[in-house]
N, C-alpha and C. Protein backbone atom coordinates (compact mmCIF):
# COMPACT_ATOMS: atom_id res chain seq x y z
N UNK A 1 134.75 -29.03 -51.03
CA UNK A 1 133.77 -29.88 -51.45
C UNK A 1 133.01 -30.55 -50.36
N UNK A 2 131.81 -30.83 -50.54
CA UNK A 2 131.01 -31.46 -49.48
C UNK A 2 131.49 -32.90 -49.35
N UNK A 3 131.45 -33.33 -48.02
CA UNK A 3 131.89 -34.71 -47.78
C UNK A 3 130.62 -35.63 -47.78
N UNK A 4 130.81 -36.83 -47.39
CA UNK A 4 129.56 -37.83 -47.44
C UNK A 4 128.42 -37.16 -46.44
N UNK A 5 128.75 -36.53 -45.55
CA UNK A 5 127.64 -35.93 -44.54
C UNK A 5 127.06 -34.70 -44.99
N UNK A 6 127.51 -34.17 -46.09
CA UNK A 6 127.23 -32.81 -46.76
C UNK A 6 127.42 -31.78 -45.71
N UNK A 7 128.46 -31.76 -45.06
CA UNK A 7 128.92 -30.65 -44.31
C UNK A 7 130.27 -30.05 -44.68
N UNK A 8 130.41 -28.83 -44.70
CA UNK A 8 131.56 -28.22 -45.27
C UNK A 8 131.71 -26.88 -44.39
N UNK A 9 132.89 -26.67 -43.71
CA UNK A 9 133.25 -25.41 -43.16
C UNK A 9 132.03 -24.80 -42.39
N UNK A 10 131.38 -25.65 -41.61
CA UNK A 10 130.29 -25.00 -40.76
C UNK A 10 129.06 -24.84 -41.49
N UNK A 11 128.86 -25.27 -42.77
CA UNK A 11 127.61 -25.16 -43.50
C UNK A 11 127.18 -26.64 -43.76
N UNK A 12 125.92 -27.00 -43.31
CA UNK A 12 125.28 -28.37 -43.49
C UNK A 12 124.24 -28.18 -44.51
N UNK A 13 124.29 -29.21 -45.43
CA UNK A 13 123.29 -29.43 -46.55
C UNK A 13 122.24 -30.46 -46.01
N UNK A 14 120.98 -30.14 -45.80
CA UNK A 14 120.04 -31.12 -45.54
C UNK A 14 119.88 -32.11 -46.69
N UNK A 15 119.92 -33.34 -46.39
CA UNK A 15 119.82 -34.39 -47.33
C UNK A 15 118.46 -34.69 -47.87
N UNK A 16 117.39 -34.54 -47.09
CA UNK A 16 116.01 -34.69 -47.40
C UNK A 16 115.19 -33.57 -46.91
N UNK A 17 114.76 -32.69 -47.76
CA UNK A 17 114.01 -31.43 -47.37
C UNK A 17 112.57 -31.66 -47.17
N UNK A 18 112.00 -32.68 -47.86
CA UNK A 18 110.57 -32.83 -47.95
C UNK A 18 110.27 -32.25 -49.39
N UNK A 19 111.09 -31.43 -49.93
CA UNK A 19 110.94 -30.87 -51.25
C UNK A 19 111.95 -31.51 -52.26
N UNK A 20 112.77 -32.56 -51.87
CA UNK A 20 113.65 -33.15 -52.58
C UNK A 20 114.78 -33.82 -52.01
N UNK A 21 115.32 -34.92 -52.52
CA UNK A 21 116.44 -35.70 -51.76
C UNK A 21 117.66 -35.39 -52.53
N UNK A 22 118.72 -35.10 -51.72
CA UNK A 22 120.04 -34.90 -52.27
C UNK A 22 121.00 -36.02 -51.98
N UNK A 23 121.81 -36.32 -53.02
CA UNK A 23 122.69 -37.40 -52.82
C UNK A 23 123.94 -36.99 -53.48
N UNK A 24 125.08 -37.78 -53.34
CA UNK A 24 126.24 -37.50 -54.08
C UNK A 24 126.15 -38.05 -55.45
N UNK A 25 126.45 -37.17 -56.42
CA UNK A 25 126.41 -37.58 -57.76
C UNK A 25 127.53 -37.16 -58.59
N UNK A 26 127.79 -37.56 -59.82
CA UNK A 26 129.02 -37.21 -60.58
C UNK A 26 128.53 -36.09 -61.54
N UNK A 27 129.28 -35.01 -61.61
CA UNK A 27 128.72 -33.88 -62.37
C UNK A 27 130.18 -33.22 -62.98
N UNK A 28 130.28 -33.27 -64.25
CA UNK A 28 131.42 -32.64 -64.82
C UNK A 28 132.70 -33.11 -64.30
N UNK A 29 132.88 -34.42 -64.14
CA UNK A 29 134.00 -35.10 -63.83
C UNK A 29 134.37 -35.06 -62.33
N UNK A 30 133.51 -34.70 -61.57
CA UNK A 30 133.79 -34.77 -60.05
C UNK A 30 132.38 -34.93 -59.22
N UNK A 31 132.66 -35.14 -58.01
CA UNK A 31 131.54 -35.56 -57.07
C UNK A 31 130.90 -34.24 -56.64
N UNK A 32 129.64 -34.19 -56.41
CA UNK A 32 128.90 -33.13 -55.99
C UNK A 32 127.58 -33.53 -55.39
N UNK A 33 126.98 -32.51 -54.75
CA UNK A 33 125.45 -32.79 -54.33
C UNK A 33 124.66 -32.43 -55.41
N UNK A 34 123.75 -33.57 -55.62
CA UNK A 34 122.70 -33.31 -56.66
C UNK A 34 121.29 -33.82 -56.18
N UNK A 35 120.23 -33.14 -56.86
CA UNK A 35 118.88 -33.67 -56.57
C UNK A 35 118.69 -34.89 -57.21
N UNK A 36 118.16 -35.87 -56.51
CA UNK A 36 117.90 -37.21 -57.25
C UNK A 36 116.34 -37.58 -57.14
N UNK A 37 115.70 -36.86 -56.31
CA UNK A 37 114.21 -36.98 -56.20
C UNK A 37 113.59 -35.83 -55.81
N UNK A 38 112.68 -35.24 -56.52
CA UNK A 38 111.87 -34.13 -55.97
C UNK A 38 110.40 -34.62 -55.68
N UNK A 39 110.05 -34.44 -54.49
CA UNK A 39 108.76 -34.95 -54.04
C UNK A 39 107.62 -33.96 -54.36
N UNK A 40 107.95 -32.76 -54.84
CA UNK A 40 106.87 -31.81 -55.27
C UNK A 40 107.25 -31.45 -56.56
N UNK A 41 106.30 -31.47 -57.55
CA UNK A 41 106.53 -31.14 -58.88
C UNK A 41 107.16 -29.72 -59.01
N UNK A 42 108.35 -29.61 -59.78
CA UNK A 42 108.98 -28.35 -60.01
C UNK A 42 109.64 -27.73 -58.75
N UNK A 43 109.72 -28.40 -57.77
CA UNK A 43 110.46 -28.02 -56.37
C UNK A 43 111.78 -28.69 -56.34
N UNK A 44 112.85 -27.97 -56.53
CA UNK A 44 114.27 -28.66 -56.46
C UNK A 44 114.98 -27.77 -55.51
N UNK A 45 114.91 -27.77 -54.17
CA UNK A 45 115.51 -26.88 -53.26
C UNK A 45 116.66 -27.60 -52.57
N UNK A 46 117.75 -26.96 -52.34
CA UNK A 46 118.79 -27.38 -51.55
C UNK A 46 118.86 -26.46 -50.23
N UNK A 47 118.49 -27.02 -49.09
CA UNK A 47 118.50 -26.33 -47.90
C UNK A 47 119.74 -26.37 -47.04
N UNK A 48 120.21 -25.20 -46.52
CA UNK A 48 121.55 -25.12 -45.78
C UNK A 48 121.26 -24.54 -44.39
N UNK A 49 121.95 -25.12 -43.37
CA UNK A 49 121.92 -24.57 -42.07
C UNK A 49 123.49 -24.44 -41.61
N UNK A 50 123.50 -23.18 -40.92
CA UNK A 50 124.78 -22.77 -40.45
C UNK A 50 125.10 -23.33 -39.01
N UNK A 51 126.31 -23.79 -38.81
CA UNK A 51 126.65 -24.31 -37.49
C UNK A 51 126.69 -23.24 -36.46
N UNK A 52 127.08 -22.09 -36.76
CA UNK A 52 127.05 -20.98 -36.00
C UNK A 52 126.57 -19.74 -36.75
N UNK A 53 126.03 -18.79 -35.96
CA UNK A 53 125.47 -17.61 -36.47
C UNK A 53 126.64 -16.68 -36.82
N UNK A 54 126.77 -16.05 -37.93
CA UNK A 54 127.81 -15.20 -38.23
C UNK A 54 127.85 -14.08 -37.29
N UNK A 55 129.12 -13.60 -36.92
CA UNK A 55 129.39 -12.59 -36.00
C UNK A 55 129.07 -11.21 -36.67
N UNK A 56 129.32 -11.07 -37.98
CA UNK A 56 129.07 -9.78 -38.82
C UNK A 56 127.69 -9.86 -39.29
N UNK A 57 127.14 -8.65 -39.49
CA UNK A 57 125.80 -8.60 -40.09
C UNK A 57 125.82 -8.78 -41.53
N UNK A 58 126.86 -8.54 -42.26
CA UNK A 58 127.03 -8.77 -43.64
C UNK A 58 127.87 -9.91 -43.87
N UNK A 59 127.41 -10.86 -44.73
CA UNK A 59 128.23 -12.00 -45.14
C UNK A 59 128.32 -12.28 -46.70
N UNK A 60 129.21 -12.99 -47.14
CA UNK A 60 129.27 -13.46 -48.43
C UNK A 60 129.09 -14.97 -48.51
N UNK A 61 128.13 -15.33 -49.37
CA UNK A 61 127.85 -16.89 -49.57
C UNK A 61 128.32 -17.26 -50.83
N UNK A 62 129.38 -18.00 -50.90
CA UNK A 62 130.01 -18.41 -52.27
C UNK A 62 129.49 -19.84 -52.56
N UNK A 63 129.07 -19.98 -53.81
CA UNK A 63 128.42 -21.31 -54.24
C UNK A 63 129.21 -21.70 -55.42
N UNK A 64 129.76 -22.87 -55.44
CA UNK A 64 130.31 -23.44 -56.75
C UNK A 64 129.27 -24.45 -57.19
N UNK A 65 128.94 -24.35 -58.52
CA UNK A 65 127.81 -25.06 -59.07
C UNK A 65 128.13 -25.57 -60.45
N UNK A 66 127.49 -26.67 -60.79
CA UNK A 66 127.57 -27.22 -62.07
C UNK A 66 126.37 -26.80 -62.92
N UNK A 67 126.72 -26.15 -64.13
CA UNK A 67 125.59 -25.63 -65.03
C UNK A 67 125.37 -26.65 -66.06
N UNK A 68 124.38 -27.45 -65.84
CA UNK A 68 124.00 -28.58 -66.78
C UNK A 68 122.89 -28.32 -67.79
N UNK A 69 121.99 -27.32 -67.34
CA UNK A 69 120.76 -27.06 -68.33
C UNK A 69 120.48 -25.56 -68.28
N UNK A 70 119.91 -25.06 -69.28
CA UNK A 70 119.39 -23.81 -69.25
C UNK A 70 118.33 -23.58 -68.16
N UNK A 71 118.26 -22.35 -67.59
CA UNK A 71 117.26 -21.92 -66.57
C UNK A 71 117.78 -20.99 -65.55
N UNK A 72 117.14 -20.80 -64.48
CA UNK A 72 117.61 -19.85 -63.42
C UNK A 72 117.53 -20.63 -62.01
N UNK A 73 118.46 -20.16 -61.17
CA UNK A 73 118.55 -20.71 -59.83
C UNK A 73 118.47 -19.45 -58.89
N UNK A 74 117.96 -19.50 -57.73
CA UNK A 74 117.92 -18.33 -56.76
C UNK A 74 118.29 -18.82 -55.46
N UNK A 75 119.05 -17.86 -54.85
CA UNK A 75 119.47 -18.18 -53.38
C UNK A 75 118.39 -17.27 -52.54
N UNK A 76 117.73 -17.94 -51.58
CA UNK A 76 116.77 -17.18 -50.61
C UNK A 76 117.39 -17.48 -49.24
N UNK A 77 117.37 -16.44 -48.48
CA UNK A 77 117.88 -16.54 -47.13
C UNK A 77 116.98 -16.00 -45.88
N UNK A 78 117.27 -16.27 -44.70
CA UNK A 78 116.61 -15.76 -43.61
C UNK A 78 117.12 -14.52 -43.30
N UNK A 79 116.35 -13.47 -43.58
CA UNK A 79 116.79 -12.14 -43.55
C UNK A 79 116.19 -11.37 -42.28
N UNK A 80 116.61 -10.01 -42.18
CA UNK A 80 116.00 -9.25 -41.08
C UNK A 80 114.51 -8.92 -41.28
N UNK A 81 114.02 -9.02 -42.55
CA UNK A 81 112.69 -8.79 -42.88
C UNK A 81 111.89 -9.99 -42.90
N UNK A 82 112.37 -11.17 -42.73
CA UNK A 82 111.68 -12.47 -42.62
C UNK A 82 112.43 -13.47 -43.51
N UNK A 83 112.01 -14.69 -43.40
CA UNK A 83 112.54 -15.84 -44.17
C UNK A 83 112.38 -15.64 -45.72
N UNK A 84 113.12 -16.29 -46.40
CA UNK A 84 112.96 -16.42 -47.98
C UNK A 84 113.16 -14.96 -48.64
N UNK A 85 114.21 -14.17 -48.14
CA UNK A 85 114.60 -13.03 -48.91
C UNK A 85 115.36 -13.46 -50.04
N UNK A 86 115.04 -12.87 -51.23
CA UNK A 86 115.73 -13.41 -52.43
C UNK A 86 116.83 -12.62 -52.95
N UNK A 87 117.89 -13.25 -53.39
CA UNK A 87 119.04 -12.64 -54.12
C UNK A 87 118.68 -12.61 -55.58
N UNK A 88 119.47 -11.79 -56.30
CA UNK A 88 119.30 -11.86 -57.82
C UNK A 88 119.58 -13.28 -58.39
N UNK A 89 118.80 -13.67 -59.32
CA UNK A 89 118.80 -15.10 -59.84
C UNK A 89 120.11 -15.35 -60.68
N UNK A 90 120.61 -16.56 -60.62
CA UNK A 90 121.76 -17.08 -61.45
C UNK A 90 121.16 -17.44 -62.77
N UNK A 91 121.68 -16.97 -63.85
CA UNK A 91 121.20 -17.38 -65.11
C UNK A 91 122.07 -18.70 -65.45
N UNK A 92 121.41 -19.70 -65.76
CA UNK A 92 122.14 -20.87 -66.21
C UNK A 92 122.11 -20.98 -67.80
N UNK A 93 123.26 -21.36 -68.38
CA UNK A 93 123.27 -21.54 -69.88
C UNK A 93 123.31 -22.88 -70.29
N UNK A 94 123.52 -23.95 -69.49
CA UNK A 94 123.58 -25.30 -69.94
C UNK A 94 125.05 -25.58 -70.66
N UNK A 95 125.89 -24.81 -70.16
CA UNK A 95 127.23 -25.02 -70.68
C UNK A 95 128.10 -26.17 -70.19
N UNK A 96 127.49 -26.91 -69.31
CA UNK A 96 128.20 -28.13 -68.66
C UNK A 96 129.56 -27.65 -68.25
N UNK A 97 129.56 -26.60 -67.45
CA UNK A 97 130.93 -26.13 -66.76
C UNK A 97 130.63 -25.84 -65.28
N UNK A 98 131.72 -25.91 -64.58
CA UNK A 98 131.64 -25.49 -63.00
C UNK A 98 131.84 -23.94 -63.06
N UNK A 99 131.14 -23.35 -62.09
CA UNK A 99 131.16 -21.95 -62.03
C UNK A 99 131.03 -21.47 -60.54
N UNK A 100 131.52 -20.33 -60.22
CA UNK A 100 131.43 -19.85 -58.88
C UNK A 100 130.65 -18.51 -58.97
N UNK A 101 129.71 -18.38 -57.93
CA UNK A 101 129.12 -16.98 -57.73
C UNK A 101 129.07 -16.76 -56.19
N UNK A 102 129.26 -15.41 -55.99
CA UNK A 102 129.27 -14.93 -54.60
C UNK A 102 128.03 -13.96 -54.38
N UNK A 103 127.30 -14.36 -53.33
CA UNK A 103 125.99 -13.44 -52.95
C UNK A 103 126.47 -12.68 -51.73
N UNK A 104 126.25 -11.36 -51.83
CA UNK A 104 126.58 -10.52 -50.55
C UNK A 104 125.20 -10.43 -49.87
N UNK A 105 125.13 -10.76 -48.63
CA UNK A 105 123.95 -10.76 -47.78
C UNK A 105 123.98 -9.70 -46.85
N UNK A 106 123.43 -8.52 -46.92
CA UNK A 106 123.69 -7.47 -45.97
C UNK A 106 122.83 -7.55 -44.70
N UNK A 107 121.84 -8.37 -44.70
CA UNK A 107 120.89 -8.42 -43.49
C UNK A 107 120.43 -9.70 -43.06
N UNK A 108 121.54 -10.73 -43.03
CA UNK A 108 121.18 -12.02 -42.58
C UNK A 108 120.54 -12.12 -41.17
N UNK A 109 119.73 -12.93 -40.89
CA UNK A 109 119.21 -13.07 -39.55
C UNK A 109 119.61 -14.56 -38.91
N UNK A 110 119.55 -15.57 -39.80
CA UNK A 110 120.19 -16.82 -39.44
C UNK A 110 119.54 -17.48 -38.33
N UNK A 111 118.17 -17.58 -38.28
CA UNK A 111 117.38 -18.19 -37.14
C UNK A 111 116.48 -19.31 -37.80
N UNK A 112 116.98 -19.81 -38.83
CA UNK A 112 116.19 -21.00 -39.41
C UNK A 112 114.75 -20.65 -40.11
N UNK A 113 114.69 -19.29 -40.73
CA UNK A 113 113.54 -18.90 -41.14
C UNK A 113 113.15 -19.43 -42.57
N UNK A 114 114.06 -20.28 -43.08
CA UNK A 114 113.62 -20.93 -44.42
C UNK A 114 113.39 -22.29 -44.18
N UNK A 115 112.24 -22.64 -43.68
CA UNK A 115 111.78 -23.93 -43.47
C UNK A 115 112.81 -24.68 -42.44
N UNK A 116 113.16 -24.00 -41.47
CA UNK A 116 114.21 -24.61 -40.47
C UNK A 116 115.71 -24.51 -41.00
N UNK A 117 115.90 -23.83 -42.13
CA UNK A 117 117.23 -23.65 -42.59
C UNK A 117 117.61 -22.24 -42.57
N UNK A 118 118.86 -21.78 -42.94
CA UNK A 118 119.30 -20.45 -42.96
C UNK A 118 119.23 -19.92 -44.29
N UNK A 119 119.41 -20.80 -45.27
CA UNK A 119 119.33 -20.36 -46.75
C UNK A 119 119.06 -21.56 -47.49
N UNK A 120 118.57 -21.28 -48.77
CA UNK A 120 118.31 -22.37 -49.69
C UNK A 120 118.60 -21.93 -51.10
N UNK A 121 118.93 -22.91 -51.88
CA UNK A 121 119.23 -22.49 -53.34
C UNK A 121 118.17 -23.44 -54.16
N UNK A 122 117.50 -22.85 -54.99
CA UNK A 122 116.46 -23.44 -55.92
C UNK A 122 115.88 -22.48 -56.88
N UNK A 123 115.13 -22.80 -57.62
CA UNK A 123 114.48 -23.89 -58.07
C UNK A 123 115.26 -24.44 -59.27
N UNK A 124 116.11 -25.43 -58.91
CA UNK A 124 117.06 -25.77 -59.83
C UNK A 124 116.68 -26.75 -61.00
N UNK A 125 117.14 -26.64 -62.19
CA UNK A 125 116.73 -27.53 -63.20
C UNK A 125 117.52 -28.96 -63.07
N UNK A 126 117.11 -29.94 -63.84
CA UNK A 126 117.69 -31.23 -63.76
C UNK A 126 119.07 -31.12 -64.09
N UNK A 127 120.03 -31.80 -63.45
CA UNK A 127 121.50 -31.78 -63.67
C UNK A 127 122.25 -30.74 -62.93
N UNK A 128 121.44 -29.82 -62.42
CA UNK A 128 122.24 -28.68 -61.51
C UNK A 128 122.90 -29.55 -60.33
N UNK A 129 124.04 -29.08 -60.02
CA UNK A 129 124.65 -29.75 -58.77
C UNK A 129 125.56 -28.79 -58.11
N UNK A 130 125.73 -29.02 -56.74
CA UNK A 130 126.58 -28.07 -55.97
C UNK A 130 127.78 -28.80 -55.49
N UNK A 131 128.97 -28.09 -55.77
CA UNK A 131 130.12 -28.65 -55.39
C UNK A 131 130.66 -28.25 -53.98
N UNK A 132 130.49 -26.87 -53.74
CA UNK A 132 130.91 -26.36 -52.52
C UNK A 132 130.14 -25.00 -52.14
N UNK A 133 130.08 -24.90 -50.82
CA UNK A 133 129.33 -23.60 -50.29
C UNK A 133 130.19 -23.12 -49.06
N UNK A 134 130.44 -21.87 -49.11
CA UNK A 134 131.15 -21.23 -47.91
C UNK A 134 130.48 -19.92 -47.59
N UNK A 135 130.47 -19.71 -46.45
CA UNK A 135 129.98 -18.44 -45.77
C UNK A 135 131.08 -17.69 -45.05
N UNK A 136 131.24 -16.56 -45.35
CA UNK A 136 132.27 -15.66 -44.81
C UNK A 136 131.72 -14.34 -44.31
N UNK A 137 132.13 -13.92 -43.17
CA UNK A 137 131.62 -12.60 -42.71
C UNK A 137 132.49 -11.56 -43.35
N UNK A 138 131.86 -10.39 -43.66
CA UNK A 138 132.57 -9.36 -44.43
C UNK A 138 132.75 -8.27 -43.43
């Protein structure tokens, strides 16, 4: 789980991206990172920067998230073909449950190509929260 500085196992979450402000919130009975202010209508993006570039070309990004409302969320990453390479969308049901999803990234570049970050999660509906993120070389 993210600490007060929003850093966990070498993955740092940007608190204020210009597209939204992230703070510690309560979601589903526990603390998590949640969007509290979106500066751009409809833009709710969580930006992440890796402390170190992974040694392997392929990585898994695990995201533990709270599903508070119906909608979709996408993970975009800095890939070999440019920034904002998209993974398949997460379909949210609004079930008010904690869930875990793993994205396999076969071609990560990790040079800050997503507005200075290595990957981002968005466009999240209200109430969406992130409990933990981990990146593991495959």
